[in-house]
Amino acid sequence: MREAISARTQPQAVRKRKRSLRHDNLMGYLFISPWLIAFFAFTLLPIAASFLLAFTNYDVLNPNWKWVGLANFERMFMQDPRYLKSLQATFFYAFIAIPLRLVFALAVAMLLNTNRRGVSGYRAAYYAPSIVGGSVAVAVMWRQIFGADGLVNAVLGTDIAWLGNPNTAIWTLIILAVWQFGSPMLIFLAGLKQIPREFYEAAAIDGANSWQQFWRITLPLLTPIIFFNLVMQLISGFMVFTQAFIITGGAPLDTTLFYALYLYQRAFVSLQMGYASAMAWVLLALIAIMTALVFRSSSYWVFYGSQED
């Protein structure tokens, strides 16, 4: 008798449970609906529109646009020498600025990895350039510092046109990128604090000097942090825009015409939205390929403490 009653009441309990789950799901979607609306309206739909425009000759001033297939991509690599210069400038900047920034950030993080009085103030001071480093105000300041009558020439006693010389213009932007080392520095500092002090004490007892401790303990245990910083800086390095736009405008002779800057010029100066959309998708592919290569190589040089020999 008891089993029969249980059998009859079980479907009702299941239906009640399902109604409760549907209600909970509905309330959950209701609460996140503002984010979903913004995501579809301002992220997903523009991405889809950009993908479609990449295969057209859409021009803002010309309503008679048409489907051109892969013509934009062929034009990029075969008919547009400025595009190739933007690729060259971007790769040069990324492969020089990113390693220098990471090395400098790690060096400063190791210097600040102490418990001395006032060290927190130094950490905040070194982090500050990363907060304002991408702003227009800092870019304008940098342009004045490296101007013909700027601070650098005044200190060195020279009259070099740092921003007008094709051999030195891009290096001023690289120096600015290295100056913005605060964000990776804090991440390195957090990683350094996770390394047990017992490792260094045991190494010191065995006679290892500071340099040996760095190569045998610090660097291997920091490889996951280095990997994370490398990926994040690689992505931002290929998307650099503000510095070149404000300081040099891509000059001289397109030596600082970074990819994002040239994309902006095609989209909002020449109003060639179809061509600019194609450039944007190529940039996405380049970043994806470079990131995938870093992930692929990580198995050879990134050490995780949970790994077994």
C-alpha atoms as a PDB file:
ATOM      1  CA  MET A   1       0.000   0.000   0.000  1.00  0.00           C
ATOM      2  CA  ARG A   2       2.787   2.397   0.918  1.00  0.00           C
ATOM      3  CA  GLU A   3       4.636   1.600  -2.312  1.00  0.00           C
ATOM      4  CA  ALA A   4       1.520   2.379  -4.378  1.00  0.00           C
ATOM      5  CA  ILE A   5       1.087   5.779  -2.729  1.00  0.00           C
ATOM      6  CA  SER A   6       4.752   6.567  -3.329  1.00  0.00           C
ATOM      7  CA  ALA A   7       4.446   5.627  -6.985  1.00  0.00           C
ATOM      8  CA  ARG A   8       1.466   7.972  -7.432  1.00  0.00           C
ATOM      9  CA  THR A   9       3.099  10.930  -5.659  1.00  0.00           C
ATOM     10  CA  GLN A  10       6.486  10.613  -7.381  1.00  0.00           C
ATOM     11  CA  PRO A  11       5.412  12.075 -10.766  1.00  0.00           C
ATOM     12  CA  GLN A  12       3.873  15.052  -8.980  1.00  0.00           C
ATOM     13  CA  ALA A  13       7.122  15.700  -7.104  1.00  0.00           C
ATOM     14  CA  VAL A  14       9.094  15.446 -10.328  1.00  0.00           C
ATOM     15  CA  ARG A  15       6.782  17.893 -12.106  1.00  0.00           C
ATOM     16  CA  LYS A  16       7.002  20.287  -9.175  1.00  0.00           C
ATOM     17  CA  ARG A  17      10.758  20.060  -9.241  1.00  0.00           C
ATOM     18  CA  LYS A  18      10.850  20.770 -12.984  1.00  0.00           C
ATOM     19  CA  ARG A  19       8.578  23.795 -12.581  1.00  0.00           C
ATOM     20  CA  SER A  20      10.858  25.083  -9.857  1.00  0.00           C
ATOM     21  CA  LEU A  21      13.902  24.640 -12.080  1.00  0.00           C
ATOM     22  CA  ARG A  22      12.196  26.431 -14.978  1.00  0.00           C
ATOM     23  CA  HIS A  23      11.270  29.277 -12.660  1.00  0.00           C
ATOM     24  CA  ASP A  24      14.837  29.532 -11.383  1.00  0.00           C
ATOM     25  CA  ASN A  25      16.221  29.501 -14.923  1.00  0.00           C
ATOM     26  CA  LEU A  26      13.753  32.174 -16.017  1.00  0.00           C
ATOM     27  CA  MET A  27      14.707  34.395 -13.102  1.00  0.00           C
ATOM     28  CA  GLY A  28      18.384  33.857 -13.849  1.00  0.00           C
ATOM     29  CA  TYR A  29      17.979  34.884 -17.483  1.00  0.00           C
ATOM     30  CA  LEU A  30      15.899  37.851 -16.375  1.00  0.00           C
ATOM     31  CA  PHE A  31      18.680  39.107 -14.117  1.00  0.00           C
ATOM     32  CA  ILE A  32      21.379  38.745 -16.796  1.00  0.00           C
ATOM     33  CA  SER A  33      19.158  40.076 -19.603  1.00  0.00           C
ATOM     34  CA  PRO A  34      20.787  43.571 -19.564  1.00  0.00           C
ATOM     35  CA  TRP A  35      24.171  41.983 -20.182  1.00  0.00           C
ATOM     36  CA  LEU A  36      22.745  39.652 -22.831  1.00  0.00           C
ATOM     37  CA  ILE A  37      21.072  42.541 -24.681  1.00  0.00           C
ATOM     38  CA  ALA A  38      24.287  44.571 -24.618  1.00  0.00           C
ATOM     39  CA  PHE A  39      26.328  41.548 -25.721  1.00  0.00           C
ATOM     40  CA  PHE A  40      24.128  40.816 -28.718  1.00  0.00           C
ATOM     41  CA  ALA A  41      23.650  44.475 -29.681  1.00  0.00           C
ATOM     42  CA  PHE A  42      27.188  45.776 -29.200  1.00  0.00           C
ATOM     43  CA  THR A  43      29.388  42.689 -29.584  1.00  0.00           C
ATOM     44  CA  LEU A  44      27.869  39.753 -31.438  1.00  0.00           C
ATOM     45  CA  LEU A  45      25.980  41.690 -34.130  1.00  0.00           C
ATOM     46  CA  PRO A  46      28.936  44.023 -34.927  1.00  0.00           C
ATOM     47  CA  ILE A  47      31.212  40.991 -35.206  1.00  0.00           C
ATOM     48  CA  ALA A  48      28.797  39.315 -37.627  1.00  0.00           C
ATOM     49  CA  ALA A  49      28.408  42.551 -39.607  1.00  0.00           C
ATOM     50  CA  SER A  50      32.177  42.976 -39.777  1.00  0.00           C
ATOM     51  CA  PHE A  51      32.574  39.442 -41.094  1.00  0.00           C
ATOM     52  CA  LEU A  52      30.042  40.073 -43.870  1.00  0.00           C
ATOM     53  CA  LEU A  53      31.495  43.486 -44.751  1.00  0.00           C
ATOM     54  CA  ALA A  54      34.961  41.917 -45.119  1.00  0.00           C
ATOM     55  CA  PHE A  55      33.755  40.355 -48.379  1.00  0.00           C
ATOM     56  CA  THR A  56      32.284  43.571 -49.804  1.00  0.00           C
ATOM     57  CA  ASN A  57      33.604  46.877 -51.138  1.00  0.00           C
ATOM     58  CA  TYR A  58      31.388  48.792 -48.705  1.00  0.00           C
ATOM     59  CA  ASP A  59      32.194  52.493 -48.618  1.00  0.00           C
ATOM     60  CA  VAL A  60      30.373  54.857 -46.278  1.00  0.00           C
ATOM     61  CA  LEU A  61      30.051  57.526 -48.978  1.00  0.00           C
ATOM     62  CA  ASN A  62      29.057  55.113 -51.745  1.00  0.00           C
ATOM     63  CA  PRO A  63      25.743  53.293 -51.215  1.00  0.00           C
ATOM     64  CA  ASN A  64      26.309  51.133 -54.315  1.00  0.00           C
ATOM     65  CA  TRP A  65      28.443  48.513 -52.627  1.00  0.00           C
ATOM     66  CA  LYS A  66      28.599  44.920 -53.758  1.00  0.00           C
ATOM     67  CA  TRP A  67      29.949  41.502 -52.830  1.00  0.00           C
ATOM     68  CA  VAL A  68      33.587  41.132 -53.937  1.00  0.00           C
ATOM     69  CA  GLY A  69      34.546  37.842 -52.303  1.00  0.00           C
ATOM     70  CA  LEU A  70      38.240  37.593 -51.437  1.00  0.00           C
ATOM     71  CA  ALA A  71      39.222  40.745 -53.338  1.00  0.00           C
ATOM     72  CA  ASN A  72      39.909  42.706 -50.148  1.00  0.00           C
ATOM     73  CA  PHE A  73      42.297  40.054 -48.877  1.00  0.00           C
ATOM     74  CA  GLU A  74      44.046  39.850 -52.247  1.00  0.00           C
ATOM     75  CA  ARG A  75      44.376  43.626 -52.258  1.00  0.00           C
ATOM     76  CA  MET A  76      45.960  43.584 -48.798  1.00  0.00           C
ATOM     77  CA  PHE A  77      48.764  41.199 -49.597  1.00  0.00           C
ATOM     78  CA  MET A  78      49.277  41.874 -53.307  1.00  0.00           C
ATOM     79  CA  GLN A  79      48.378  45.506 -54.027  1.00  0.00           C
ATOM     80  CA  ASP A  80      48.781  47.545 -50.845  1.00  0.00           C
ATOM     81  CA  PRO A  81      52.418  48.306 -49.919  1.00  0.00           C
ATOM     82  CA  ARG A  82      51.336  50.362 -46.882  1.00  0.00           C
ATOM     83  CA  TYR A  83      49.602  47.302 -45.473  1.00  0.00           C
ATOM     84  CA  LEU A  84      52.825  45.319 -45.673  1.00  0.00           C
ATOM     85  CA  LYS A  85      54.654  48.190 -43.964  1.00  0.00           C
ATOM     86  CA  SER A  86      52.098  48.147 -41.160  1.00  0.00           C
ATOM     87  CA  LEU A  87      52.695  44.429 -40.693  1.00  0.00           C
ATOM     88  CA  GLN A  88      56.447  44.973 -40.604  1.00  0.00           C
ATOM     89  CA  ALA A  89      56.200  47.812 -38.085  1.00  0.00           C
ATOM     90  CA  THR A  90      53.811  45.864 -35.843  1.00  0.00           C
ATOM     91  CA  PHE A  91      55.922  42.705 -35.784  1.00  0.00           C
ATOM     92  CA  PHE A  92      59.083  44.699 -35.114  1.00  0.00           C
ATOM     93  CA  TYR A  93      57.410  46.564 -32.262  1.00  0.00           C
ATOM     94  CA  ALA A  94      55.893  43.427 -30.724  1.00  0.00           C
ATOM     95  CA  PHE A  95      59.034  41.296 -30.903  1.00  0.00           C
ATOM     96  CA  ILE A  96      61.212  44.035 -29.378  1.00  0.00           C
ATOM     97  CA  ALA A  97      58.927  45.818 -26.917  1.00  0.00           C
ATOM     98  CA  ILE A  98      57.274  42.771 -25.343  1.00  0.00           C
ATOM     99  CA  PRO A  99      60.474  40.916 -24.295  1.00  0.00           C
ATOM    100  CA  LEU A 100      62.050  44.140 -23.024  1.00  0.00           C
ATOM    101  CA  ARG A 101      58.943  44.994 -21.002  1.00  0.00           C
ATOM    102  CA  LEU A 102      58.769  41.514 -19.445  1.00  0.00           C
ATOM    103  CA  VAL A 103      62.483  41.453 -18.587  1.00  0.00           C
ATOM    104  CA  PHE A 104      62.306  44.912 -17.033  1.00  0.00           C
ATOM    105  CA  ALA A 105      59.114  44.035 -15.145  1.00  0.00           C
ATOM    106  CA  LEU A 106      60.678  40.874 -13.729  1.00  0.00           C
ATOM    107  CA  ALA A 107      63.828  42.721 -12.668  1.00  0.00           C
ATOM    108  CA  VAL A 108      61.856  45.415 -10.843  1.00  0.00           C
ATOM    109  CA  ALA A 109      59.565  42.798  -9.261  1.00  0.00           C
ATOM    110  CA  MET A 110      62.558  40.981  -7.822  1.00  0.00           C
ATOM    111  CA  LEU A 111      63.905  44.249  -6.395  1.00  0.00           C
ATOM    112  CA  LEU A 112      60.547  44.982  -4.777  1.00  0.00           C
ATOM    113  CA  ASN A 113      60.084  41.461  -3.418  1.00  0.00           C
ATOM    114  CA  THR A 114      61.120  42.493   0.090  1.00  0.00           C
ATOM    115  CA  ASN A 115      59.433  43.442   3.343  1.00  0.00           C
ATOM    116  CA  ARG A 116      61.347  46.661   3.867  1.00  0.00           C
ATOM    117  CA  ARG A 117      59.636  49.801   5.066  1.00  0.00           C
ATOM    118  CA  GLY A 118      58.078  51.899   2.305  1.00  0.00           C
ATOM    119  CA  VAL A 119      58.294  49.207  -0.362  1.00  0.00           C
ATOM    120  CA  SER A 120      54.504  49.335  -0.905  1.00  0.00           C
ATOM    121  CA  GLY A 121      54.848  52.987  -1.910  1.00  0.00           C
ATOM    122  CA  TYR A 122      57.467  52.070  -4.504  1.00  0.00           C
ATOM    123  CA  ARG A 123      55.173  49.347  -5.868  1.00  0.00           C
ATOM    124  CA  ALA A 124      52.361  51.854  -6.297  1.00  0.00           C
ATOM    125  CA  ALA A 125      54.706  54.372  -7.924  1.00  0.00           C
ATOM    126  CA  TYR A 126      56.033  51.820 -10.409  1.00  0.00           C
ATOM    127  CA  TYR A 127      52.525  50.632 -11.212  1.00  0.00           C
ATOM    128  CA  ALA A 128      51.205  54.145 -11.913  1.00  0.00           C
ATOM    129  CA  PRO A 129      52.594  54.387 -15.511  1.00  0.00           C
ATOM    130  CA  SER A 130      50.546  51.334 -16.485  1.00  0.00           C
ATOM    131  CA  ILE A 131      47.359  53.028 -15.308  1.00  0.00           C
ATOM    132  CA  VAL A 132      47.879  56.212 -17.333  1.00  0.00           C
ATOM    133  CA  GLY A 133      50.344  54.883 -19.894  1.00  0.00           C
ATOM    134  CA  GLY A 134      47.747  54.375 -22.621  1.00  0.00           C
ATOM    135  CA  SER A 135      46.112  57.759 -22.171  1.00  0.00           C
ATOM    136  CA  VAL A 136      46.208  60.617 -24.633  1.00  0.00           C
ATOM    137  CA  ALA A 137      47.798  62.916 -22.038  1.00  0.00           C
ATOM    138  CA  VAL A 138      50.810  60.624 -21.588  1.00  0.00           C
ATOM    139  CA  ALA A 139      51.191  60.264 -25.359  1.00  0.00           C
ATOM    140  CA  VAL A 140      51.232  64.044 -25.732  1.00  0.00           C
ATOM    141  CA  MET A 141      53.778  64.294 -22.908  1.00  0.00           C
ATOM    142  CA  TRP A 142      55.941  61.676 -24.605  1.00  0.00           C
ATOM    143  CA  ARG A 143      55.787  63.598 -27.875  1.00  0.00           C
ATOM    144  CA  GLN A 144      57.024  66.711 -26.078  1.00  0.00           C
ATOM    145  CA  ILE A 145      59.803  64.815 -24.287  1.00  0.00           C
ATOM    146  CA  PHE A 146      61.205  63.475 -27.551  1.00  0.00           C
ATOM    147  CA  GLY A 147      60.523  66.618 -29.560  1.00  0.00           C
ATOM    148  CA  ALA A 148      63.259  68.692 -31.146  1.00  0.00           C
ATOM    149  CA  ASP A 149      63.317  71.023 -28.137  1.00  0.00           C
ATOM    150  CA  GLY A 150      62.241  68.365 -25.632  1.00  0.00           C
ATOM    151  CA  LEU A 151      63.721  67.048 -22.431  1.00  0.00           C
ATOM    152  CA  VAL A 152      65.797  64.288 -24.033  1.00  0.00           C
ATOM    153  CA  ASN A 153      67.686  66.657 -26.321  1.00  0.00           C
ATOM    154  CA  ALA A 154      68.104  69.140 -23.462  1.00  0.00           C
ATOM    155  CA  VAL A 155      69.667  66.483 -21.209  1.00  0.00           C
ATOM    156  CA  LEU A 156      71.863  64.977 -23.930  1.00  0.00           C
ATOM    157  CA  GLY A 157      72.789  68.325 -25.443  1.00  0.00           C
ATOM    158  CA  THR A 158      71.751  67.213 -28.935  1.00  0.00           C
ATOM    159  CA  ASP A 159      69.273  68.357 -31.554  1.00  0.00           C
ATOM    160  CA  ILE A 160      68.191  64.968 -32.877  1.00  0.00           C
ATOM    161  CA  ALA A 161      64.708  64.717 -34.414  1.00  0.00           C
ATOM    162  CA  TRP A 162      63.783  61.534 -32.566  1.00  0.00           C
ATOM    163  CA  LEU A 163      60.230  61.438 -33.926  1.00  0.00           C
ATOM    164  CA  GLY A 164      61.153  62.573 -37.431  1.00  0.00           C
ATOM    165  CA  ASN A 165      63.973  60.110 -38.032  1.00  0.00           C
ATOM    166  CA  PRO A 166      62.895  56.740 -39.519  1.00  0.00           C
ATOM    167  CA  ASN A 167      65.670  55.013 -37.553  1.00  0.00           C
ATOM    168  CA  THR A 168      64.652  56.324 -34.141  1.00  0.00           C
ATOM    169  CA  ALA A 169      60.907  57.040 -34.244  1.00  0.00           C
ATOM    170  CA  ILE A 170      59.755  53.517 -33.496  1.00  0.00           C
ATOM    171  CA  TRP A 171      62.272  53.211 -30.671  1.00  0.00           C
ATOM    172  CA  THR A 172      60.617  56.090 -28.841  1.00  0.00           C
ATOM    173  CA  LEU A 173      57.383  54.072 -28.853  1.00  0.00           C
ATOM    174  CA  ILE A 174      59.243  50.962 -27.695  1.00  0.00           C
ATOM    175  CA  ILE A 175      60.705  52.923 -24.779  1.00  0.00           C
ATOM    176  CA  LEU A 176      57.193  54.078 -23.889  1.00  0.00           C
ATOM    177  CA  ALA A 177      55.984  50.470 -23.949  1.00  0.00           C
ATOM    178  CA  VAL A 178      58.811  49.372 -21.647  1.00  0.00           C
ATOM    179  CA  TRP A 179      57.984  52.267 -19.310  1.00  0.00           C
ATOM    180  CA  GLN A 180      54.496  50.788 -18.912  1.00  0.00           C
ATOM    181  CA  PHE A 181      55.788  47.711 -17.095  1.00  0.00           C
ATOM    182  CA  GLY A 182      53.638  48.056 -13.975  1.00  0.00           C
ATOM    183  CA  SER A 183      50.946  45.497 -14.767  1.00  0.00           C
ATOM    184  CA  PRO A 184      53.240  42.534 -15.555  1.00  0.00           C
ATOM    185  CA  MET A 185      55.457  43.631 -12.656  1.00  0.00           C
ATOM    186  CA  LEU A 186      52.620  43.156 -10.151  1.00  0.00           C
ATOM    187  CA  ILE A 187      51.813  39.751 -11.617  1.00  0.00           C
ATOM    188  CA  PHE A 188      55.479  38.728 -11.369  1.00  0.00           C
ATOM    189  CA  LEU A 189      55.555  40.017  -7.807  1.00  0.00           C
ATOM    190  CA  ALA A 190      52.551  37.883  -6.885  1.00  0.00           C
ATOM    191  CA  GLY A 191      54.268  34.859  -8.423  1.00  0.00           C
ATOM    192  CA  LEU A 192      57.509  35.530  -6.544  1.00  0.00           C
ATOM    193  CA  LYS A 193      55.656  35.615  -3.242  1.00  0.00           C
ATOM    194  CA  GLN A 194      54.255  32.146  -3.918  1.00  0.00           C
ATOM    195  CA  ILE A 195      57.706  30.556  -4.106  1.00  0.00           C
ATOM    196  CA  PRO A 196      58.500  28.934  -0.724  1.00  0.00           C
ATOM    197  CA  ARG A 197      61.483  30.448   1.050  1.00  0.00           C
ATOM    198  CA  GLU A 198      62.599  26.947   2.035  1.00  0.00           C
ATOM    199  CA  PHE A 199      63.789  26.357  -1.528  1.00  0.00           C
ATOM    200  CA  TYR A 200      66.221  29.260  -1.325  1.00  0.00           C
ATOM    201  CA  GLU A 201      67.394  28.275   2.152  1.00  0.00           C
ATOM    202  CA  ALA A 202      68.115  24.725   1.008  1.00  0.00           C
ATOM    203  CA  ALA A 203      69.940  26.017  -2.075  1.00  0.00           C
ATOM    204  CA  ALA A 204      72.030  28.379   0.048  1.00  0.00           C
ATOM    205  CA  ILE A 205      73.008  25.506   2.335  1.00  0.00           C
ATOM    206  CA  ASP A 206      74.105  23.533  -0.738  1.00  0.00           C
ATOM    207  CA  GLY A 207      76.308  26.461  -1.754  1.00  0.00           C
ATOM    208  CA  ALA A 208      74.240  27.973  -4.568  1.00  0.00           C
ATOM    209  CA  ASN A 209      74.818  31.684  -5.150  1.00  0.00           C
ATOM    210  CA  SER A 210      72.119  34.224  -6.054  1.00  0.00           C
ATOM    211  CA  TRP A 211      72.554  33.768  -9.792  1.00  0.00           C
ATOM    212  CA  GLN A 212      72.265  29.987  -9.506  1.00  0.00           C
ATOM    213  CA  GLN A 213      69.187  30.321  -7.298  1.00  0.00           C
ATOM    214  CA  PHE A 214      67.572  32.539  -9.911  1.00  0.00           C
ATOM    215  CA  TRP A 215      68.195  30.101 -12.774  1.00  0.00           C
ATOM    216  CA  ARG A 216      67.446  26.893 -10.848  1.00  0.00           C
ATOM    217  CA  ILE A 217      64.579  28.016  -8.580  1.00  0.00           C
ATOM    218  CA  THR A 218      63.064  31.386  -9.410  1.00  0.00           C
ATOM    219  CA  LEU A 219      62.890  31.159 -13.185  1.00  0.00           C
ATOM    220  CA  PRO A 220      61.503  27.590 -13.455  1.00  0.00           C
ATOM    221  CA  LEU A 221      58.833  28.225 -10.825  1.00  0.00           C
ATOM    222  CA  LEU A 222      57.863  31.507 -12.505  1.00  0.00           C
ATOM    223  CA  THR A 223      57.359  29.992 -15.957  1.00  0.00           C
ATOM    224  CA  PRO A 224      53.535  29.790 -15.580  1.00  0.00           C
ATOM    225  CA  ILE A 225      53.515  33.512 -14.696  1.00  0.00           C
ATOM    226  CA  ILE A 226      55.856  34.284 -17.582  1.00  0.00           C
ATOM    227  CA  PHE A 227      53.567  32.327 -19.888  1.00  0.00           C
ATOM    228  CA  PHE A 228      50.497  34.276 -18.753  1.00  0.00           C
ATOM    229  CA  ASN A 229      52.242  37.638 -19.061  1.00  0.00           C
ATOM    230  CA  LEU A 230      53.618  36.722 -22.479  1.00  0.00           C
ATOM    231  CA  VAL A 231      50.181  35.856 -23.853  1.00  0.00           C
ATOM    232  CA  MET A 232      48.549  39.002 -22.470  1.00  0.00           C
ATOM    233  CA  GLN A 233      51.343  41.296 -23.640  1.00  0.00           C
ATOM    234  CA  LEU A 234      51.419  39.640 -27.053  1.00  0.00           C
ATOM    235  CA  ILE A 235      47.743  40.365 -27.596  1.00  0.00           C
ATOM    236  CA  SER A 236      48.049  43.990 -26.462  1.00  0.00           C
ATOM    237  CA  GLY A 237      51.266  44.457 -28.449  1.00  0.00           C
ATOM    238  CA  PHE A 238      49.581  43.602 -31.749  1.00  0.00           C
ATOM    239  CA  MET A 239      46.698  45.963 -30.946  1.00  0.00           C
ATOM    240  CA  VAL A 240      48.775  49.038 -30.024  1.00  0.00           C
ATOM    241  CA  PHE A 241      47.130  52.179 -31.336  1.00  0.00           C
ATOM    242  CA  THR A 242      46.988  55.263 -29.088  1.00  0.00           C
ATOM    243  CA  GLN A 243      50.731  55.822 -28.808  1.00  0.00           C
ATOM    244  CA  ALA A 244      51.372  55.803 -32.554  1.00  0.00           C
ATOM    245  CA  PHE A 245      48.193  57.761 -33.327  1.00  0.00           C
ATOM    246  CA  ILE A 246      49.072  60.630 -30.975  1.00  0.00           C
ATOM    247  CA  ILE A 247      52.868  60.686 -31.028  1.00  0.00           C
ATOM    248  CA  THR A 248      53.823  59.996 -34.634  1.00  0.00           C
ATOM    249  CA  GLY A 249      50.643  59.428 -36.641  1.00  0.00           C
ATOM    250  CA  GLY A 250      52.444  56.606 -38.456  1.00  0.00           C
ATOM    251  CA  ALA A 251      55.281  58.836 -39.654  1.00  0.00           C
ATOM    252  CA  PRO A 252      58.029  59.069 -40.719  1.00  0.00           C
ATOM    253  CA  LEU A 253      57.814  57.025 -43.907  1.00  0.00           C
ATOM    254  CA  ASP A 254      55.247  54.708 -42.274  1.00  0.00           C
ATOM    255  CA  THR A 255      57.874  53.283 -39.907  1.00  0.00           C
ATOM    256  CA  THR A 256      55.413  53.610 -37.002  1.00  0.00           C
ATOM    257  CA  LEU A 257      52.299  52.774 -39.003  1.00  0.00           C
ATOM    258  CA  PHE A 258      51.086  50.015 -36.720  1.00  0.00           C
ATOM    259  CA  TYR A 259      48.388  47.633 -37.859  1.00  0.00           C
ATOM    260  CA  ALA A 260      45.607  49.061 -35.685  1.00  0.00           C
ATOM    261  CA  LEU A 261      46.498  52.592 -36.762  1.00  0.00           C
ATOM    262  CA  TYR A 262      46.364  51.711 -40.454  1.00  0.00           C
ATOM    263  CA  LEU A 263      43.069  49.903 -39.898  1.00  0.00           C
ATOM    264  CA  TYR A 264      41.706  53.064 -38.277  1.00  0.00           C
ATOM    265  CA  GLN A 265      42.871  55.167 -41.213  1.00  0.00           C
ATOM    266  CA  ARG A 266      41.176  52.896 -43.721  1.00  0.00           C
ATOM    267  CA  ALA A 267      37.934  52.733 -41.718  1.00  0.00           C
ATOM    268  CA  PHE A 268      37.462  56.268 -40.408  1.00  0.00           C
ATOM    269  CA  VAL A 269      39.626  58.422 -42.676  1.00  0.00           C
ATOM    270  CA  SER A 270      39.227  56.748 -46.054  1.00  0.00           C
ATOM    271  CA  LEU A 271      35.811  55.341 -44.958  1.00  0.00           C
ATOM    272  CA  GLN A 272      36.578  52.002 -46.627  1.00  0.00           C
ATOM    273  CA  MET A 273      34.685  49.852 -44.137  1.00  0.00           C
ATOM    274  CA  GLY A 274      34.792  46.706 -46.234  1.00  0.00           C
ATOM    275  CA  TYR A 275      38.554  46.790 -46.565  1.00  0.00           C
ATOM    276  CA  ALA A 276      38.983  47.716 -42.887  1.00  0.00           C
ATOM    277  CA  SER A 277      36.752  44.822 -41.823  1.00  0.00           C
ATOM    278  CA  ALA A 278      38.913  42.428 -43.813  1.00  0.00           C
ATOM    279  CA  MET A 279      41.987  43.877 -42.097  1.00  0.00           C
ATOM    280  CA  ALA A 280      40.341  43.363 -38.702  1.00  0.00           C
ATOM    281  CA  TRP A 281      39.736  39.678 -39.367  1.00  0.00           C
ATOM    282  CA  VAL A 282      43.299  39.194 -40.574  1.00  0.00           C
ATOM    283  CA  LEU A 283      44.495  40.821 -37.351  1.00  0.00           C
ATOM    284  CA  LEU A 284      42.317  38.415 -35.370  1.00  0.00           C
ATOM    285  CA  ALA A 285      43.828  35.508 -37.270  1.00  0.00           C
ATOM    286  CA  LEU A 286      47.374  36.778 -36.675  1.00  0.00           C
ATOM    287  CA  ILE A 287      46.803  37.147 -32.928  1.00  0.00           C
ATOM    288  CA  ALA A 288      45.189  33.703 -32.797  1.00  0.00           C
ATOM    289  CA  ILE A 289      48.120  32.120 -34.643  1.00  0.00           C
ATOM    290  CA  MET A 290      50.739  33.807 -32.464  1.00  0.00           C
ATOM    291  CA  THR A 291      48.862  32.878 -29.286  1.00  0.00           C
ATOM    292  CA  ALA A 292      48.467  29.291 -30.487  1.00  0.00           C
ATOM    293  CA  LEU A 293      52.222  29.084 -31.149  1.00  0.00           C
ATOM    294  CA  VAL A 294      52.940  30.284 -27.615  1.00  0.00           C
ATOM    295  CA  PHE A 295      50.508  27.726 -26.192  1.00  0.00           C
ATOM    296  CA  ARG A 296      52.059  25.024 -28.375  1.00  0.00           C
ATOM    297  CA  SER A 297      55.558  25.837 -27.156  1.00  0.00           C
ATOM    298  CA  SER A 298      54.526  26.028 -23.490  1.00  0.00           C
ATOM    299  CA  SER A 299      54.826  22.274 -23.033  1.00  0.00           C
ATOM    300  CA  TYR A 300      58.586  22.593 -23.591  1.00  0.00           C
ATOM    301  CA  TRP A 301      59.378  25.419 -21.180  1.00  0.00           C
ATOM    302  CA  VAL A 302      56.496  25.973 -18.737  1.00  0.00           C
ATOM    303  CA  PHE A 303      56.886  24.048 -15.487  1.00  0.00           C
ATOM    304  CA  TYR A 304      53.927  23.364 -13.210  1.00  0.00           C
ATOM    305  CA  GLY A 305      54.488  22.180  -9.684  1.00  0.00           C
ATOM    306  CA  SER A 306      51.920  19.406 -10.050  1.00  0.00           C
ATOM    307  CA  GLN A 307      53.796  17.818 -12.959  1.00  0.00           C
ATOM    308  CA  GLU A 308      55.615  14.568 -12.342  1.00  0.00           C
ATOM    309  CA  ASP A 309      59.006  13.755 -13.764  1.00  0.00           C
END
